[in-house]
N, C-alpha and C. Protein backbone atom coordinates (compact mmCIF):
# COMPACT_ATOMS: atom_id res chain seq x y z
N MET A 1 0.12 -4.76 -11.08
CA MET A 1 -1.29 -4.78 -10.82
C MET A 1 -1.85 -6.08 -11.39
N LYS A 2 -2.62 -6.80 -10.59
CA LYS A 2 -3.20 -8.07 -11.01
C LYS A 2 -4.66 -7.88 -11.36
N ARG A 3 -5.11 -8.57 -12.39
CA ARG A 3 -6.51 -8.49 -12.81
C ARG A 3 -7.00 -9.90 -13.14
N ASP A 4 -8.28 -10.11 -12.92
CA ASP A 4 -8.91 -11.33 -13.37
C ASP A 4 -9.50 -11.03 -14.74
N PHE A 5 -8.91 -11.59 -15.78
CA PHE A 5 -9.33 -11.30 -17.15
C PHE A 5 -9.46 -12.60 -17.89
N CYS A 6 -10.54 -12.78 -18.58
CA CYS A 6 -10.77 -13.99 -19.37
C CYS A 6 -10.71 -15.25 -18.52
N GLY A 7 -11.09 -15.13 -17.25
CA GLY A 7 -11.08 -16.31 -16.40
C GLY A 7 -9.70 -16.70 -15.92
N VAL A 8 -8.70 -15.88 -16.19
CA VAL A 8 -7.33 -16.17 -15.76
C VAL A 8 -7.04 -15.26 -14.59
N SER A 9 -6.85 -15.84 -13.40
CA SER A 9 -6.73 -15.02 -12.21
C SER A 9 -5.40 -14.30 -12.11
N ASP A 10 -4.36 -14.81 -12.77
CA ASP A 10 -3.08 -14.12 -12.67
C ASP A 10 -2.76 -13.30 -13.91
N PHE A 11 -3.82 -12.82 -14.57
CA PHE A 11 -3.64 -11.91 -15.70
C PHE A 11 -3.08 -10.61 -15.13
N SER A 12 -1.89 -10.27 -15.55
CA SER A 12 -1.32 -9.02 -15.08
C SER A 12 -1.03 -8.12 -16.25
N VAL A 13 -1.04 -6.86 -15.97
CA VAL A 13 -0.88 -5.87 -17.03
C VAL A 13 0.36 -5.05 -16.73
N ILE A 14 1.19 -4.92 -17.71
CA ILE A 14 2.34 -4.05 -17.60
C ILE A 14 2.18 -2.99 -18.66
N LEU A 15 2.01 -1.76 -18.25
CA LEU A 15 1.83 -0.68 -19.20
C LEU A 15 3.21 -0.12 -19.51
N SER A 16 3.76 -0.56 -20.62
CA SER A 16 5.12 -0.18 -20.94
C SER A 16 5.32 -0.23 -22.43
N SER A 17 6.15 0.67 -22.93
CA SER A 17 6.50 0.60 -24.35
C SER A 17 7.83 -0.10 -24.54
N VAL A 18 8.46 -0.51 -23.45
CA VAL A 18 9.73 -1.21 -23.52
C VAL A 18 9.53 -2.62 -23.00
N PRO A 19 9.91 -3.65 -23.79
CA PRO A 19 9.74 -5.03 -23.34
C PRO A 19 10.52 -5.31 -22.06
N SER A 20 9.97 -6.15 -21.23
CA SER A 20 10.63 -6.52 -19.99
C SER A 20 11.86 -7.37 -20.27
N LEU A 21 12.94 -7.05 -19.60
CA LEU A 21 14.18 -7.82 -19.79
C LEU A 21 14.09 -9.20 -19.15
N LEU A 22 13.14 -9.37 -18.25
CA LEU A 22 13.02 -10.64 -17.53
C LEU A 22 12.11 -11.63 -18.22
N CYS A 23 11.43 -11.22 -19.27
CA CYS A 23 10.44 -12.08 -19.88
C CYS A 23 11.06 -13.21 -20.66
N LEU A 24 10.53 -14.38 -20.45
CA LEU A 24 11.04 -15.56 -21.14
C LEU A 24 10.39 -15.73 -22.51
N SER A 25 9.19 -15.27 -22.63
CA SER A 25 8.44 -15.49 -23.86
C SER A 25 7.64 -14.24 -24.19
N GLU A 26 8.03 -13.57 -25.28
CA GLU A 26 7.29 -12.38 -25.68
C GLU A 26 6.85 -12.54 -27.12
N HIS A 27 5.62 -12.17 -27.41
CA HIS A 27 5.05 -12.38 -28.73
C HIS A 27 4.51 -11.05 -29.25
N LYS A 28 5.03 -10.65 -30.39
CA LYS A 28 4.61 -9.38 -30.99
C LYS A 28 3.30 -9.57 -31.74
N VAL A 29 2.38 -8.66 -31.46
CA VAL A 29 1.05 -8.66 -32.07
C VAL A 29 0.82 -7.27 -32.66
N ILE A 30 0.36 -7.23 -33.91
CA ILE A 30 -0.07 -5.94 -34.45
C ILE A 30 -1.59 -5.95 -34.56
N VAL A 31 -2.19 -4.83 -34.22
CA VAL A 31 -3.64 -4.66 -34.26
C VAL A 31 -3.94 -3.64 -35.35
N VAL A 32 -4.56 -4.10 -36.43
CA VAL A 32 -4.80 -3.24 -37.59
C VAL A 32 -6.27 -3.29 -37.99
N GLY A 33 -6.65 -2.40 -38.85
CA GLY A 33 -8.01 -2.32 -39.36
C GLY A 33 -8.25 -0.90 -39.83
N LEU A 34 -9.34 -0.69 -40.50
CA LEU A 34 -9.66 0.64 -40.99
C LEU A 34 -9.95 1.58 -39.82
N ASP A 35 -9.91 2.86 -40.10
CA ASP A 35 -10.21 3.86 -39.08
C ASP A 35 -11.61 3.63 -38.51
N ASN A 36 -11.74 3.86 -37.22
CA ASN A 36 -13.00 3.75 -36.49
C ASN A 36 -13.53 2.32 -36.36
N ALA A 37 -12.65 1.33 -36.49
CA ALA A 37 -13.08 -0.06 -36.35
C ALA A 37 -13.15 -0.49 -34.89
N GLY A 38 -12.37 0.17 -34.02
CA GLY A 38 -12.36 -0.20 -32.60
C GLY A 38 -11.04 -0.76 -32.12
N LYS A 39 -9.97 -0.57 -32.85
CA LYS A 39 -8.66 -1.14 -32.50
C LYS A 39 -8.16 -0.66 -31.15
N THR A 40 -8.18 0.65 -30.94
CA THR A 40 -7.65 1.21 -29.70
C THR A 40 -8.54 0.82 -28.52
N THR A 41 -9.83 0.80 -28.72
CA THR A 41 -10.75 0.38 -27.66
C THR A 41 -10.46 -1.06 -27.24
N ILE A 42 -10.21 -1.93 -28.21
CA ILE A 42 -9.87 -3.33 -27.90
C ILE A 42 -8.54 -3.40 -27.16
N LEU A 43 -7.54 -2.65 -27.61
CA LEU A 43 -6.24 -2.66 -26.93
C LEU A 43 -6.40 -2.30 -25.46
N TYR A 44 -7.17 -1.25 -25.18
CA TYR A 44 -7.31 -0.83 -23.79
C TYR A 44 -8.28 -1.70 -23.00
N GLN A 45 -9.16 -2.42 -23.65
CA GLN A 45 -9.93 -3.45 -22.94
C GLN A 45 -8.97 -4.54 -22.46
N PHE A 46 -8.03 -4.94 -23.33
CA PHE A 46 -7.04 -5.94 -22.93
C PHE A 46 -6.15 -5.42 -21.81
N SER A 47 -5.69 -4.19 -21.91
CA SER A 47 -4.69 -3.71 -20.95
C SER A 47 -5.29 -3.21 -19.64
N MET A 48 -6.49 -2.62 -19.68
CA MET A 48 -7.07 -2.05 -18.47
C MET A 48 -8.42 -2.63 -18.11
N ASN A 49 -8.97 -3.47 -18.99
CA ASN A 49 -10.28 -4.07 -18.78
C ASN A 49 -11.36 -3.00 -18.60
N GLU A 50 -11.21 -1.92 -19.35
CA GLU A 50 -12.21 -0.85 -19.30
C GLU A 50 -12.22 -0.08 -20.62
N VAL A 51 -13.31 0.64 -20.84
CA VAL A 51 -13.44 1.47 -22.03
C VAL A 51 -12.74 2.80 -21.78
N VAL A 52 -11.89 3.17 -22.71
CA VAL A 52 -11.19 4.44 -22.63
C VAL A 52 -11.64 5.27 -23.83
N HIS A 53 -12.01 6.51 -23.59
CA HIS A 53 -12.40 7.38 -24.71
C HIS A 53 -11.17 7.66 -25.55
N THR A 54 -11.28 7.42 -26.84
CA THR A 54 -10.12 7.54 -27.72
C THR A 54 -10.37 8.55 -28.83
N SER A 55 -9.29 8.96 -29.44
CA SER A 55 -9.36 9.77 -30.65
C SER A 55 -8.60 9.00 -31.72
N PRO A 56 -8.74 9.36 -32.98
CA PRO A 56 -8.06 8.59 -34.02
C PRO A 56 -6.56 8.46 -33.74
N THR A 57 -6.05 7.25 -33.91
CA THR A 57 -4.63 6.99 -33.65
C THR A 57 -3.80 7.48 -34.82
N ILE A 58 -2.86 8.36 -34.52
CA ILE A 58 -1.89 8.80 -35.50
C ILE A 58 -0.59 8.13 -35.10
N GLY A 59 -0.10 7.22 -35.92
CA GLY A 59 1.06 6.43 -35.55
C GLY A 59 0.60 5.16 -34.88
N SER A 60 1.02 4.95 -33.62
CA SER A 60 0.67 3.70 -32.95
C SER A 60 0.59 3.89 -31.44
N ASN A 61 -0.07 2.94 -30.80
CA ASN A 61 -0.09 2.78 -29.35
C ASN A 61 0.49 1.40 -29.08
N VAL A 62 1.16 1.23 -27.98
CA VAL A 62 1.70 -0.09 -27.65
C VAL A 62 1.47 -0.37 -26.17
N GLU A 63 1.08 -1.60 -25.89
CA GLU A 63 0.87 -2.06 -24.52
C GLU A 63 1.42 -3.47 -24.40
N GLU A 64 1.98 -3.77 -23.24
CA GLU A 64 2.43 -5.13 -22.98
C GLU A 64 1.39 -5.80 -22.09
N ILE A 65 0.88 -6.93 -22.55
CA ILE A 65 -0.15 -7.69 -21.84
C ILE A 65 0.49 -9.01 -21.43
N VAL A 66 0.32 -9.40 -20.17
CA VAL A 66 0.90 -10.64 -19.67
C VAL A 66 -0.22 -11.55 -19.19
N VAL A 67 -0.26 -12.76 -19.75
CA VAL A 67 -1.25 -13.76 -19.34
C VAL A 67 -0.50 -15.06 -19.09
N ASN A 68 -0.59 -15.58 -17.87
CA ASN A 68 0.09 -16.84 -17.53
C ASN A 68 1.55 -16.85 -17.97
N ASN A 69 2.28 -15.80 -17.64
CA ASN A 69 3.69 -15.65 -17.99
C ASN A 69 3.96 -15.57 -19.48
N THR A 70 2.93 -15.40 -20.27
CA THR A 70 3.11 -15.19 -21.71
C THR A 70 2.92 -13.70 -21.96
N HIS A 71 3.92 -13.10 -22.57
CA HIS A 71 3.90 -11.66 -22.83
C HIS A 71 3.50 -11.39 -24.27
N PHE A 72 2.50 -10.55 -24.43
CA PHE A 72 2.10 -10.08 -25.75
C PHE A 72 2.43 -8.59 -25.82
N LEU A 73 3.25 -8.21 -26.77
CA LEU A 73 3.51 -6.80 -27.02
C LEU A 73 2.58 -6.40 -28.16
N MET A 74 1.53 -5.66 -27.83
CA MET A 74 0.47 -5.34 -28.80
C MET A 74 0.63 -3.93 -29.33
N TRP A 75 0.79 -3.85 -30.63
CA TRP A 75 0.93 -2.58 -31.34
C TRP A 75 -0.38 -2.26 -32.05
N ASP A 76 -1.04 -1.22 -31.62
CA ASP A 76 -2.27 -0.72 -32.25
C ASP A 76 -1.85 0.35 -33.25
N ILE A 77 -2.10 0.09 -34.53
CA ILE A 77 -1.60 0.96 -35.59
C ILE A 77 -2.77 1.73 -36.21
N GLY A 78 -2.58 3.02 -36.40
CA GLY A 78 -3.62 3.88 -36.97
C GLY A 78 -4.14 3.33 -38.29
N GLY A 79 -5.45 3.48 -38.51
CA GLY A 79 -6.08 2.88 -39.68
C GLY A 79 -6.54 3.84 -40.76
N GLN A 80 -6.24 5.14 -40.60
CA GLN A 80 -6.64 6.08 -41.63
C GLN A 80 -5.94 5.74 -42.94
N GLU A 81 -6.57 6.07 -44.04
CA GLU A 81 -6.04 5.72 -45.36
C GLU A 81 -4.59 6.19 -45.53
N SER A 82 -4.27 7.37 -45.05
CA SER A 82 -2.92 7.92 -45.22
C SER A 82 -1.87 7.16 -44.41
N LEU A 83 -2.29 6.38 -43.42
CA LEU A 83 -1.35 5.65 -42.56
C LEU A 83 -1.17 4.19 -42.97
N ARG A 84 -2.08 3.65 -43.75
CA ARG A 84 -2.05 2.21 -44.06
C ARG A 84 -0.79 1.78 -44.80
N SER A 85 -0.25 2.66 -45.62
CA SER A 85 0.95 2.29 -46.38
C SER A 85 2.16 2.10 -45.46
N SER A 86 2.08 2.59 -44.23
CA SER A 86 3.20 2.41 -43.29
C SER A 86 3.02 1.20 -42.37
N TRP A 87 1.90 0.49 -42.49
CA TRP A 87 1.70 -0.69 -41.64
C TRP A 87 2.87 -1.65 -41.74
N ASN A 88 3.42 -1.81 -42.94
CA ASN A 88 4.47 -2.82 -43.14
C ASN A 88 5.73 -2.53 -42.32
N THR A 89 5.90 -1.32 -41.83
CA THR A 89 7.07 -1.03 -40.99
C THR A 89 6.97 -1.72 -39.63
N TYR A 90 5.80 -2.22 -39.29
CA TYR A 90 5.59 -2.92 -38.01
C TYR A 90 5.63 -4.44 -38.16
N TYR A 91 5.75 -4.96 -39.35
CA TYR A 91 5.59 -6.40 -39.59
C TYR A 91 6.72 -7.27 -39.06
N THR A 92 7.94 -6.78 -39.01
CA THR A 92 9.08 -7.60 -38.62
C THR A 92 8.84 -8.26 -37.27
N ASN A 93 9.05 -9.57 -37.22
CA ASN A 93 8.91 -10.39 -36.00
C ASN A 93 7.49 -10.46 -35.44
N THR A 94 6.50 -10.12 -36.24
CA THR A 94 5.11 -10.21 -35.79
C THR A 94 4.66 -11.67 -35.80
N GLU A 95 4.10 -12.13 -34.68
CA GLU A 95 3.61 -13.50 -34.58
C GLU A 95 2.10 -13.60 -34.80
N PHE A 96 1.38 -12.52 -34.47
CA PHE A 96 -0.06 -12.51 -34.66
C PHE A 96 -0.48 -11.17 -35.24
N VAL A 97 -1.41 -11.23 -36.17
CA VAL A 97 -2.06 -10.04 -36.70
C VAL A 97 -3.51 -10.10 -36.24
N ILE A 98 -3.94 -9.06 -35.54
CA ILE A 98 -5.35 -8.92 -35.19
C ILE A 98 -5.92 -7.88 -36.14
N VAL A 99 -6.90 -8.29 -36.93
CA VAL A 99 -7.59 -7.37 -37.83
C VAL A 99 -8.95 -7.08 -37.21
N VAL A 100 -9.19 -5.82 -36.91
CA VAL A 100 -10.47 -5.42 -36.33
C VAL A 100 -11.35 -4.90 -37.46
N VAL A 101 -12.52 -5.51 -37.59
CA VAL A 101 -13.48 -5.14 -38.64
C VAL A 101 -14.68 -4.47 -37.99
N ASP A 102 -15.06 -3.33 -38.51
CA ASP A 102 -16.29 -2.66 -38.08
C ASP A 102 -17.45 -3.38 -38.77
N SER A 103 -18.18 -4.18 -38.03
CA SER A 103 -19.26 -5.00 -38.60
C SER A 103 -20.42 -4.17 -39.14
N THR A 104 -20.44 -2.88 -38.85
CA THR A 104 -21.50 -2.02 -39.37
C THR A 104 -21.10 -1.34 -40.68
N ASP A 105 -19.86 -1.46 -41.07
CA ASP A 105 -19.32 -0.72 -42.22
C ASP A 105 -19.32 -1.58 -43.48
N ARG A 106 -20.52 -1.80 -44.01
CA ARG A 106 -20.66 -2.61 -45.22
C ARG A 106 -19.98 -1.96 -46.43
N GLU A 107 -19.98 -0.64 -46.46
CA GLU A 107 -19.43 0.08 -47.61
C GLU A 107 -17.92 -0.12 -47.78
N ARG A 108 -17.22 -0.37 -46.67
CA ARG A 108 -15.76 -0.48 -46.77
C ARG A 108 -15.21 -1.88 -46.51
N ILE A 109 -16.07 -2.89 -46.48
CA ILE A 109 -15.57 -4.25 -46.24
C ILE A 109 -14.63 -4.67 -47.37
N SER A 110 -14.86 -4.19 -48.58
CA SER A 110 -13.97 -4.52 -49.70
C SER A 110 -12.59 -3.88 -49.51
N VAL A 111 -12.54 -2.71 -48.88
CA VAL A 111 -11.26 -2.07 -48.58
C VAL A 111 -10.52 -2.89 -47.52
N THR A 112 -11.25 -3.37 -46.53
CA THR A 112 -10.65 -4.23 -45.51
C THR A 112 -10.07 -5.48 -46.16
N LYS A 113 -10.81 -6.07 -47.07
CA LYS A 113 -10.34 -7.26 -47.77
C LYS A 113 -9.05 -6.96 -48.54
N GLU A 114 -9.03 -5.87 -49.25
CA GLU A 114 -7.84 -5.48 -50.02
C GLU A 114 -6.62 -5.31 -49.11
N GLU A 115 -6.80 -4.62 -47.99
CA GLU A 115 -5.70 -4.41 -47.04
C GLU A 115 -5.26 -5.73 -46.41
N LEU A 116 -6.22 -6.60 -46.10
CA LEU A 116 -5.91 -7.90 -45.52
C LEU A 116 -5.01 -8.72 -46.45
N TYR A 117 -5.37 -8.81 -47.70
CA TYR A 117 -4.59 -9.64 -48.63
C TYR A 117 -3.24 -9.02 -48.96
N LYS A 118 -3.13 -7.70 -48.91
CA LYS A 118 -1.81 -7.05 -49.05
C LYS A 118 -0.91 -7.49 -47.90
N MET A 119 -1.47 -7.48 -46.70
CA MET A 119 -0.70 -7.89 -45.52
C MET A 119 -0.27 -9.34 -45.60
N LEU A 120 -1.23 -10.21 -45.92
CA LEU A 120 -0.94 -11.64 -45.93
C LEU A 120 0.11 -12.01 -46.96
N ALA A 121 0.27 -11.20 -47.99
CA ALA A 121 1.27 -11.46 -49.03
C ALA A 121 2.67 -11.00 -48.62
N HIS A 122 2.78 -10.26 -47.54
CA HIS A 122 4.07 -9.72 -47.13
C HIS A 122 4.94 -10.82 -46.51
N GLU A 123 6.18 -10.87 -46.93
CA GLU A 123 7.12 -11.90 -46.47
C GLU A 123 7.27 -11.92 -44.95
N ASP A 124 7.30 -10.77 -44.31
CA ASP A 124 7.50 -10.71 -42.86
C ASP A 124 6.33 -11.29 -42.07
N LEU A 125 5.18 -11.49 -42.71
CA LEU A 125 4.01 -12.03 -42.01
C LEU A 125 3.70 -13.46 -42.42
N ARG A 126 4.61 -14.11 -43.13
CA ARG A 126 4.30 -15.43 -43.68
C ARG A 126 3.99 -16.49 -42.62
N LYS A 127 4.49 -16.32 -41.40
CA LYS A 127 4.23 -17.29 -40.33
C LYS A 127 3.25 -16.76 -39.28
N ALA A 128 2.73 -15.58 -39.48
CA ALA A 128 1.87 -14.96 -38.47
C ALA A 128 0.48 -15.58 -38.45
N GLY A 129 -0.04 -15.78 -37.24
CA GLY A 129 -1.43 -16.19 -37.08
C GLY A 129 -2.33 -14.98 -37.30
N LEU A 130 -3.55 -15.23 -37.74
CA LEU A 130 -4.48 -14.15 -38.08
C LEU A 130 -5.76 -14.29 -37.25
N LEU A 131 -6.03 -13.28 -36.45
CA LEU A 131 -7.27 -13.21 -35.67
C LEU A 131 -8.08 -12.04 -36.19
N ILE A 132 -9.29 -12.31 -36.62
CA ILE A 132 -10.18 -11.25 -37.08
C ILE A 132 -11.24 -11.04 -36.01
N PHE A 133 -11.30 -9.83 -35.47
CA PHE A 133 -12.37 -9.46 -34.55
C PHE A 133 -13.46 -8.77 -35.35
N ALA A 134 -14.64 -9.38 -35.40
CA ALA A 134 -15.82 -8.78 -36.03
C ALA A 134 -16.48 -7.92 -34.95
N ASN A 135 -16.05 -6.67 -34.88
CA ASN A 135 -16.44 -5.77 -33.80
C ASN A 135 -17.82 -5.14 -34.05
N LYS A 136 -18.38 -4.59 -33.00
CA LYS A 136 -19.65 -3.87 -33.00
C LYS A 136 -20.83 -4.81 -33.28
N GLN A 137 -20.72 -6.04 -32.78
CA GLN A 137 -21.79 -7.01 -32.97
C GLN A 137 -23.04 -6.66 -32.17
N ASP A 138 -22.93 -5.67 -31.30
CA ASP A 138 -24.08 -5.22 -30.51
C ASP A 138 -24.99 -4.28 -31.30
N VAL A 139 -24.57 -3.86 -32.48
CA VAL A 139 -25.34 -2.90 -33.28
C VAL A 139 -26.31 -3.65 -34.19
N LYS A 140 -27.58 -3.28 -34.09
CA LYS A 140 -28.61 -3.93 -34.90
C LYS A 140 -28.30 -3.75 -36.39
N GLY A 141 -28.46 -4.82 -37.14
CA GLY A 141 -28.24 -4.78 -38.59
C GLY A 141 -26.80 -4.92 -39.02
N CYS A 142 -25.90 -5.18 -38.08
CA CYS A 142 -24.50 -5.34 -38.45
C CYS A 142 -24.29 -6.63 -39.24
N MET A 143 -23.17 -6.72 -39.93
CA MET A 143 -22.83 -7.95 -40.64
C MET A 143 -22.52 -9.04 -39.62
N THR A 144 -22.95 -10.25 -39.91
CA THR A 144 -22.64 -11.38 -39.04
C THR A 144 -21.22 -11.84 -39.31
N VAL A 145 -20.72 -12.70 -38.43
CA VAL A 145 -19.40 -13.30 -38.64
C VAL A 145 -19.37 -14.04 -39.97
N ALA A 146 -20.44 -14.76 -40.29
CA ALA A 146 -20.50 -15.50 -41.55
C ALA A 146 -20.43 -14.56 -42.75
N GLU A 147 -21.14 -13.44 -42.68
CA GLU A 147 -21.10 -12.46 -43.78
C GLU A 147 -19.70 -11.86 -43.95
N ILE A 148 -19.07 -11.54 -42.84
CA ILE A 148 -17.72 -10.97 -42.90
C ILE A 148 -16.74 -11.99 -43.44
N SER A 149 -16.85 -13.22 -42.94
CA SER A 149 -15.97 -14.30 -43.42
C SER A 149 -16.12 -14.48 -44.93
N GLN A 150 -17.34 -14.45 -45.40
CA GLN A 150 -17.59 -14.60 -46.84
C GLN A 150 -17.07 -13.39 -47.61
N SER A 151 -17.32 -12.19 -47.12
CA SER A 151 -16.86 -10.97 -47.80
C SER A 151 -15.33 -10.91 -47.88
N LEU A 152 -14.67 -11.40 -46.84
CA LEU A 152 -13.20 -11.40 -46.82
C LEU A 152 -12.61 -12.65 -47.48
N GLN A 153 -13.48 -13.58 -47.88
CA GLN A 153 -13.07 -14.85 -48.50
C GLN A 153 -12.03 -15.57 -47.64
N LEU A 154 -12.33 -15.69 -46.35
CA LEU A 154 -11.38 -16.28 -45.42
C LEU A 154 -11.09 -17.74 -45.71
N THR A 155 -12.03 -18.46 -46.30
CA THR A 155 -11.76 -19.88 -46.59
C THR A 155 -10.66 -20.04 -47.62
N SER A 156 -10.31 -18.97 -48.33
CA SER A 156 -9.21 -19.06 -49.30
C SER A 156 -7.85 -18.80 -48.64
N VAL A 157 -7.84 -18.43 -47.37
CA VAL A 157 -6.58 -18.21 -46.66
C VAL A 157 -6.05 -19.56 -46.22
N LYS A 158 -5.01 -20.02 -46.89
CA LYS A 158 -4.46 -21.36 -46.63
C LYS A 158 -3.10 -21.33 -45.94
N ASP A 159 -2.36 -20.24 -46.09
CA ASP A 159 -0.99 -20.19 -45.58
C ASP A 159 -0.87 -19.62 -44.17
N HIS A 160 -1.98 -19.27 -43.56
CA HIS A 160 -1.98 -18.70 -42.22
C HIS A 160 -3.07 -19.39 -41.40
N GLN A 161 -2.75 -19.68 -40.14
CA GLN A 161 -3.81 -20.13 -39.24
C GLN A 161 -4.65 -18.89 -38.94
N TRP A 162 -5.97 -19.05 -38.99
CA TRP A 162 -6.83 -17.90 -38.75
C TRP A 162 -8.06 -18.28 -37.95
N HIS A 163 -8.63 -17.26 -37.35
CA HIS A 163 -9.85 -17.41 -36.56
C HIS A 163 -10.61 -16.10 -36.65
N ILE A 164 -11.91 -16.18 -36.80
CA ILE A 164 -12.75 -14.98 -36.77
C ILE A 164 -13.63 -15.05 -35.53
N GLN A 165 -13.71 -13.94 -34.80
CA GLN A 165 -14.41 -13.90 -33.53
C GLN A 165 -15.34 -12.70 -33.47
N ALA A 166 -16.62 -12.95 -33.20
CA ALA A 166 -17.56 -11.86 -32.96
C ALA A 166 -17.18 -11.17 -31.66
N CYS A 167 -17.30 -9.85 -31.62
CA CYS A 167 -16.99 -9.16 -30.37
C CYS A 167 -17.69 -7.81 -30.30
N CYS A 168 -17.64 -7.25 -29.12
CA CYS A 168 -18.08 -5.88 -28.87
C CYS A 168 -17.00 -5.24 -28.00
N ALA A 169 -16.22 -4.36 -28.57
CA ALA A 169 -15.11 -3.74 -27.84
C ALA A 169 -15.59 -2.96 -26.62
N LEU A 170 -16.77 -2.36 -26.71
CA LEU A 170 -17.27 -1.54 -25.61
C LEU A 170 -17.57 -2.35 -24.36
N THR A 171 -18.06 -3.58 -24.54
CA THR A 171 -18.39 -4.42 -23.38
C THR A 171 -17.31 -5.45 -23.09
N GLY A 172 -16.44 -5.70 -24.06
CA GLY A 172 -15.41 -6.74 -23.92
C GLY A 172 -15.88 -8.11 -24.36
N GLU A 173 -17.16 -8.23 -24.70
CA GLU A 173 -17.70 -9.52 -25.12
C GLU A 173 -16.95 -10.06 -26.34
N GLY A 174 -16.51 -11.32 -26.25
CA GLY A 174 -15.83 -11.98 -27.35
C GLY A 174 -14.32 -11.80 -27.36
N LEU A 175 -13.81 -10.83 -26.62
CA LEU A 175 -12.37 -10.57 -26.65
C LEU A 175 -11.58 -11.70 -26.00
N CYS A 176 -12.09 -12.24 -24.92
CA CYS A 176 -11.39 -13.34 -24.24
C CYS A 176 -11.24 -14.54 -25.17
N GLN A 177 -12.28 -14.83 -25.93
CA GLN A 177 -12.21 -15.98 -26.84
C GLN A 177 -11.13 -15.77 -27.89
N GLY A 178 -10.96 -14.55 -28.36
CA GLY A 178 -9.89 -14.27 -29.32
C GLY A 178 -8.52 -14.47 -28.70
N LEU A 179 -8.34 -13.97 -27.49
CA LEU A 179 -7.08 -14.13 -26.78
C LEU A 179 -6.81 -15.61 -26.50
N GLU A 180 -7.85 -16.35 -26.14
CA GLU A 180 -7.70 -17.80 -25.90
C GLU A 180 -7.26 -18.51 -27.18
N TRP A 181 -7.78 -18.09 -28.34
CA TRP A 181 -7.35 -18.70 -29.60
C TRP A 181 -5.85 -18.46 -29.82
N MET A 182 -5.39 -17.23 -29.55
CA MET A 182 -3.97 -16.94 -29.70
C MET A 182 -3.13 -17.81 -28.76
N MET A 183 -3.56 -17.95 -27.53
CA MET A 183 -2.84 -18.80 -26.57
C MET A 183 -2.81 -20.24 -27.05
N SER A 184 -3.91 -20.72 -27.62
CA SER A 184 -3.95 -22.11 -28.11
C SER A 184 -2.98 -22.31 -29.26
N ARG A 185 -2.80 -21.31 -30.09
CA ARG A 185 -1.84 -21.40 -31.22
C ARG A 185 -0.42 -21.48 -30.69
N LEU A 186 -0.14 -20.79 -29.60
CA LEU A 186 1.20 -20.85 -29.02
C LEU A 186 1.48 -22.22 -28.42
N ARG A 187 0.45 -22.85 -27.84
CA ARG A 187 0.63 -24.17 -27.22
C ARG A 187 0.94 -25.26 -28.23
N VAL A 188 0.48 -25.12 -29.47
CA VAL A 188 0.69 -26.19 -30.45
C VAL A 188 1.98 -26.01 -31.25
N ARG A 189 2.73 -25.00 -30.96
CA ARG A 189 4.00 -24.78 -31.68
C ARG A 189 5.06 -25.74 -31.21
């Protein structure tokens, strides 16, 4: 099935939990964040370009996204407190970490920061690029990208290439720019 996504006319979607044997270039991406941040909604915006009603993820969801012959195997990992200690089982061979932040959740931004720095310290993620989606930017009174960047102390992240992107998972706004940043990181390798 072909879709026009992010201005790329040959964006195709393969809904599969098994990587294609024919793919020349596949890049593992993990999508993490606290519960109710919008991780699964973002995953299905990428894979189906539509909003899918979701329930809390127990374990993980995986989708293969293909853009210009570049394959991203995206693992959406449950964000409940009881599941976060198992995130590291997904780290092996991860090239990009997408951290989804609920921009309305001021009370737990410090928890997001703590989880972020635990991840960044893990040996298996030492070369991974970091994309932070500041989700729910459509909600009045939400934290701005600048506030989230400051709260997460992103300027202190020196060992990882990173980008923070405002977005709204429900409308898809900002998601293309995040994907474009990931593609640009692959081009400079």
